[in-house]
Amino acid sequence: MPTFTIRYCQLWNYLPHATRLVEEIAQSAEYGLQDFHLIPGNNGEFTLWRDDEKIYDKGSNDFPSASDVMHLL
């Protein structure tokens, strides 16, 4: 089973977005909370990684919905 990491910007308080996303995915997929790691980042970062592959980068876009991320998993 893959491991997922969300790197989020602490300065801009992206942690609530990261935790909401993890909770929604864990409720609707075969992944559990233990499959996700939240790591503080900087400079507006909000990235989602599957093992060592970056599968989402917020950049200047909106935060992803759980359904958006489910298509990437």
Protein backbone atom coordinates (compact mmCIF):
# COMPACT_ATOMS: atom_id res chain seq x y z
CA MET A 1 0.00 0.00 0.00
CA PRO A 2 1.37 3.44 -0.86
CA THR A 3 2.16 6.14 1.65
CA PHE A 4 0.85 9.66 1.07
CA THR A 5 2.42 12.87 2.27
CA ILE A 6 0.89 16.32 2.29
CA ARG A 7 3.33 19.19 2.69
CA TYR A 8 1.46 22.30 3.81
CA CYS A 9 2.41 25.89 4.56
CA GLN A 10 2.34 26.65 8.29
CA LEU A 11 2.64 30.40 7.81
CA TRP A 12 -0.56 30.57 5.75
CA ASN A 13 -2.34 28.08 8.03
CA TYR A 14 -2.94 25.35 5.43
CA LEU A 15 -3.09 22.65 8.11
CA PRO A 16 -6.92 22.69 8.33
CA HIS A 17 -7.11 22.12 4.56
CA ALA A 18 -4.67 19.21 4.81
CA THR A 19 -6.47 17.52 7.70
CA ARG A 20 -9.89 17.94 6.06
CA LEU A 21 -8.59 16.39 2.86
CA VAL A 22 -7.08 13.40 4.67
CA GLU A 23 -10.27 12.81 6.68
CA GLU A 24 -12.47 12.94 3.57
CA ILE A 25 -10.22 10.58 1.61
CA ALA A 26 -9.96 8.13 4.52
CA GLN A 27 -13.77 8.00 4.78
CA SER A 28 -14.34 7.35 1.09
CA ALA A 29 -11.41 5.15 0.03
CA GLU A 30 -9.51 2.06 1.01
CA TYR A 31 -6.84 4.21 2.66
CA GLY A 32 -6.67 4.84 6.39
CA LEU A 33 -5.40 7.78 8.39
CA GLN A 34 -2.17 5.85 9.01
CA ASP A 35 -1.44 5.99 5.25
CA PHE A 36 -1.06 9.80 5.35
CA HIS A 37 1.68 12.00 6.76
CA LEU A 38 1.36 15.76 7.22
CA ILE A 39 4.60 17.69 7.02
CA PRO A 40 4.95 21.43 7.58
CA GLY A 41 6.35 23.35 4.61
CA ASN A 42 6.78 27.02 3.67
CA ASN A 43 6.12 29.65 1.05
CA GLY A 44 2.49 28.74 0.35
CA GLU A 45 3.28 25.10 -0.34
CA PHE A 46 0.46 22.57 -0.55
CA THR A 47 1.66 19.43 -2.29
CA LEU A 48 0.48 15.84 -2.25
CA TRP A 49 2.93 12.98 -2.72
CA ARG A 50 2.35 9.27 -3.34
CA ASP A 51 5.51 7.61 -2.09
CA ASP A 52 8.19 9.69 -3.90
CA GLU A 53 5.98 11.01 -6.72
CA LYS A 54 4.40 14.46 -6.52
CA ILE A 55 0.80 14.03 -7.70
CA TYR A 56 -0.62 17.47 -6.85
CA ASP A 57 0.83 20.96 -6.42
CA LYS A 58 -1.56 23.74 -5.46
CA GLY A 59 0.62 26.48 -6.88
CA SER A 60 -1.75 29.39 -7.55
CA ASN A 61 -4.79 27.11 -7.88
CA ASP A 62 -7.51 26.35 -5.37
CA PHE A 63 -7.19 23.64 -2.77
CA PRO A 64 -8.14 20.26 -4.21
CA SER A 65 -11.37 18.54 -3.25
CA ALA A 66 -11.33 14.96 -2.03
CA SER A 67 -12.89 13.85 -5.32
CA ASP A 68 -10.15 15.65 -7.29
CA VAL A 69 -7.50 13.83 -5.28
CA MET A 70 -9.27 10.46 -5.51
CA HIS A 71 -8.78 10.59 -9.30
CA LEU A 72 -5.05 11.04 -8.75
CA LEU A 73 -4.63 8.20 -6.28
